[in-house]
């Protein structure tokens, strides 16, 4: 038997917070926008006239437990 040791040639470096933070904020804003359109875009809180957005996200609304009827 031979004894071989694994020596990694590359050491992973952490990603600085300054590079992650803008993308995390952007993703958070997209999530808030998606939650608004799925959960609240109907009736009195509607920003877009008509029922097009409501019908587009209707099944997702029920899947996530938002009432709409």
N, C-alpha and C. Protein backbone atom coordinates (compact mmCIF):
# COMPACT_ATOMS: atom_id res chain seq x y z
N UNK A 1 0.83 -1.18 0.00
CA UNK A 1 0.00 0.00 0.00
C UNK A 1 0.87 1.24 0.00
N UNK A 2 0.38 2.21 -0.69
CA UNK A 2 1.11 3.48 -0.68
C UNK A 2 0.27 4.52 0.05
N UNK A 3 0.94 5.38 0.74
CA UNK A 3 0.26 6.46 1.45
C UNK A 3 0.38 7.73 0.61
N UNK A 4 -0.77 8.20 0.16
CA UNK A 4 -0.79 9.45 -0.58
C UNK A 4 -1.64 10.44 0.18
N UNK A 5 -1.16 11.64 0.22
CA UNK A 5 -1.88 12.71 0.90
C UNK A 5 -2.40 13.69 -0.15
N UNK A 6 -3.61 14.15 0.07
CA UNK A 6 -4.20 15.11 -0.85
C UNK A 6 -3.84 16.50 -0.37
N UNK A 7 -3.19 17.24 -1.21
CA UNK A 7 -2.82 18.61 -0.89
C UNK A 7 -3.50 19.53 -1.90
N UNK A 8 -4.52 20.25 -1.48
CA UNK A 8 -5.20 21.14 -2.44
C UNK A 8 -4.26 22.25 -2.92
N UNK A 9 -4.33 22.51 -4.21
CA UNK A 9 -3.46 23.52 -4.78
C UNK A 9 -4.06 24.92 -4.73
N UNK A 10 -5.37 25.00 -4.60
CA UNK A 10 -6.03 26.30 -4.55
C UNK A 10 -6.82 26.40 -3.24
N UNK A 11 -6.63 27.50 -2.55
CA UNK A 11 -7.35 27.74 -1.31
C UNK A 11 -8.51 28.69 -1.62
N UNK A 12 -9.74 28.33 -1.26
CA UNK A 12 -10.87 29.22 -1.55
C UNK A 12 -10.76 30.51 -0.77
N UNK A 13 -11.10 31.61 -1.43
CA UNK A 13 -11.08 32.91 -0.77
C UNK A 13 -12.50 33.39 -0.57
N UNK A 14 -12.78 34.01 0.55
CA UNK A 14 -14.14 34.51 0.78
C UNK A 14 -14.48 35.68 -0.14
N UNK A 15 -15.75 35.79 -0.49
CA UNK A 15 -16.21 36.91 -1.31
C UNK A 15 -16.46 38.10 -0.39
N UNK A 16 -15.89 39.24 -0.68
CA UNK A 16 -16.09 40.41 0.19
C UNK A 16 -17.56 40.84 0.23
N UNK A 17 -17.98 41.32 1.38
CA UNK A 17 -19.36 41.75 1.57
C UNK A 17 -19.74 42.87 0.61
N UNK A 18 -18.78 43.71 0.26
CA UNK A 18 -19.04 44.81 -0.67
C UNK A 18 -19.47 44.34 -2.05
N UNK A 19 -19.09 43.12 -2.43
CA UNK A 19 -19.49 42.58 -3.72
C UNK A 19 -20.82 41.85 -3.65
N UNK A 20 -21.17 41.31 -2.48
CA UNK A 20 -22.41 40.57 -2.32
C UNK A 20 -23.59 41.50 -2.03
N UNK A 21 -23.36 42.54 -1.27
CA UNK A 21 -24.44 43.41 -0.79
C UNK A 21 -25.31 44.00 -1.90
N UNK A 22 -24.76 44.57 -2.97
CA UNK A 22 -25.64 45.12 -4.02
C UNK A 22 -26.54 44.05 -4.65
N UNK A 23 -26.01 42.85 -4.87
CA UNK A 23 -26.81 41.78 -5.45
C UNK A 23 -27.86 41.29 -4.47
N UNK A 24 -27.55 41.26 -3.19
CA UNK A 24 -28.53 40.85 -2.19
C UNK A 24 -29.66 41.87 -2.09
N UNK A 25 -29.35 43.15 -2.16
CA UNK A 25 -30.38 44.18 -2.13
C UNK A 25 -31.26 44.10 -3.38
N UNK A 26 -30.64 43.90 -4.53
CA UNK A 26 -31.39 43.77 -5.78
C UNK A 26 -32.32 42.56 -5.74
N UNK A 27 -31.82 41.42 -5.26
CA UNK A 27 -32.65 40.21 -5.15
C UNK A 27 -33.79 40.43 -4.16
N UNK A 28 -33.52 41.12 -3.06
CA UNK A 28 -34.56 41.40 -2.08
C UNK A 28 -35.66 42.28 -2.66
N UNK A 29 -35.28 43.29 -3.44
CA UNK A 29 -36.28 44.15 -4.07
C UNK A 29 -37.12 43.39 -5.10
N UNK A 30 -36.48 42.51 -5.84
CA UNK A 30 -37.23 41.68 -6.80
C UNK A 30 -38.21 40.76 -6.07
N UNK A 31 -37.79 40.21 -4.94
CA UNK A 31 -38.68 39.35 -4.17
C UNK A 31 -39.87 40.13 -3.62
N UNK A 32 -39.62 41.35 -3.11
CA UNK A 32 -40.72 42.18 -2.62
C UNK A 32 -41.70 42.53 -3.74
N UNK A 33 -41.16 42.83 -4.91
CA UNK A 33 -42.02 43.13 -6.06
C UNK A 33 -42.85 41.92 -6.46
N UNK A 34 -42.23 40.75 -6.46
CA UNK A 34 -42.96 39.52 -6.79
C UNK A 34 -44.03 39.22 -5.76
N UNK A 35 -43.72 39.40 -4.48
CA UNK A 35 -44.72 39.16 -3.44
C UNK A 35 -45.87 40.14 -3.58
N UNK A 36 -45.58 41.39 -3.93
CA UNK A 36 -46.67 42.36 -4.13
C UNK A 36 -47.59 41.90 -5.26
N UNK A 37 -47.00 41.56 -6.40
CA UNK A 37 -47.83 41.21 -7.55
C UNK A 37 -48.62 39.93 -7.31
N UNK A 38 -48.04 38.96 -6.61
CA UNK A 38 -48.76 37.72 -6.35
C UNK A 38 -49.78 37.91 -5.24
N UNK A 39 -49.44 38.68 -4.20
CA UNK A 39 -50.29 38.74 -3.03
C UNK A 39 -51.25 39.90 -2.95
N UNK A 40 -50.93 41.03 -3.56
CA UNK A 40 -51.76 42.22 -3.30
C UNK A 40 -52.25 42.93 -4.55
N UNK A 41 -51.87 42.51 -5.71
CA UNK A 41 -52.27 43.21 -6.93
C UNK A 41 -53.67 42.83 -7.34
N UNK A 42 -54.64 43.35 -6.60
CA UNK A 42 -56.05 43.18 -6.96
C UNK A 42 -56.89 44.14 -6.14
N UNK A 43 -57.99 44.52 -6.68
CA UNK A 43 -58.94 45.36 -5.93
C UNK A 43 -58.42 46.75 -5.62
N UNK A 44 -58.58 47.17 -4.37
CA UNK A 44 -58.26 48.54 -3.96
C UNK A 44 -56.76 48.82 -3.98
N UNK A 45 -55.93 47.80 -3.84
CA UNK A 45 -54.48 48.01 -3.81
C UNK A 45 -53.84 47.89 -5.19
N UNK A 46 -54.63 47.78 -6.22
CA UNK A 46 -54.12 47.55 -7.56
C UNK A 46 -53.45 48.79 -8.13
N UNK A 47 -52.25 48.62 -8.65
CA UNK A 47 -51.54 49.71 -9.33
C UNK A 47 -51.79 49.69 -10.83
N UNK A 48 -52.13 48.52 -11.35
CA UNK A 48 -52.35 48.35 -12.78
C UNK A 48 -53.84 48.08 -13.00
N UNK A 49 -54.46 48.86 -13.85
CA UNK A 49 -55.90 48.69 -14.09
C UNK A 49 -56.16 47.39 -14.86
N UNK A 50 -57.33 46.85 -14.68
CA UNK A 50 -57.69 45.61 -15.35
C UNK A 50 -57.35 44.41 -14.50
N UNK A 51 -57.66 43.24 -15.03
CA UNK A 51 -57.44 42.01 -14.29
C UNK A 51 -56.33 41.16 -14.89
N UNK A 52 -55.51 41.74 -15.78
CA UNK A 52 -54.49 40.96 -16.47
C UNK A 52 -53.45 40.40 -15.52
N UNK A 53 -52.95 41.21 -14.60
CA UNK A 53 -51.94 40.74 -13.65
C UNK A 53 -52.54 39.71 -12.71
N UNK A 54 -53.77 39.97 -12.25
CA UNK A 54 -54.44 39.03 -11.35
C UNK A 54 -54.59 37.66 -12.01
N UNK A 55 -55.03 37.63 -13.24
CA UNK A 55 -55.22 36.36 -13.93
C UNK A 55 -53.89 35.68 -14.23
N UNK A 56 -52.83 36.46 -14.46
CA UNK A 56 -51.52 35.88 -14.77
C UNK A 56 -50.94 35.16 -13.55
N UNK A 57 -51.13 35.72 -12.35
CA UNK A 57 -50.55 35.13 -11.14
C UNK A 57 -51.60 34.37 -10.31
N UNK A 58 -52.76 34.11 -10.87
CA UNK A 58 -53.87 33.53 -10.12
C UNK A 58 -53.51 32.17 -9.49
N UNK A 59 -52.95 31.25 -10.26
CA UNK A 59 -52.62 29.93 -9.72
C UNK A 59 -51.50 30.02 -8.69
N UNK A 60 -50.53 30.87 -8.93
CA UNK A 60 -49.45 31.06 -7.96
C UNK A 60 -49.97 31.64 -6.66
N UNK A 61 -50.98 32.49 -6.76
CA UNK A 61 -51.60 33.07 -5.57
C UNK A 61 -52.23 31.99 -4.70
N UNK A 62 -52.95 31.07 -5.31
CA UNK A 62 -53.55 29.98 -4.54
C UNK A 62 -52.49 29.03 -4.01
N UNK A 63 -51.47 28.77 -4.79
CA UNK A 63 -50.39 27.88 -4.37
C UNK A 63 -49.69 28.42 -3.12
N UNK A 64 -49.51 29.72 -3.04
CA UNK A 64 -48.84 30.34 -1.90
C UNK A 64 -49.80 30.67 -0.75
N UNK A 65 -51.08 30.40 -0.90
CA UNK A 65 -52.03 30.57 0.18
C UNK A 65 -52.65 31.94 0.29
N UNK A 66 -52.56 32.77 -0.74
CA UNK A 66 -53.21 34.08 -0.73
C UNK A 66 -54.66 33.92 -1.19
N UNK A 67 -55.62 34.46 -0.45
CA UNK A 67 -57.00 34.37 -0.90
C UNK A 67 -57.26 35.41 -2.01
N UNK A 68 -58.14 35.07 -2.92
CA UNK A 68 -58.46 36.06 -3.96
C UNK A 68 -59.91 36.00 -4.40
N UNK A 69 -60.72 35.14 -3.85
CA UNK A 69 -62.12 35.05 -4.27
C UNK A 69 -63.01 35.53 -3.15
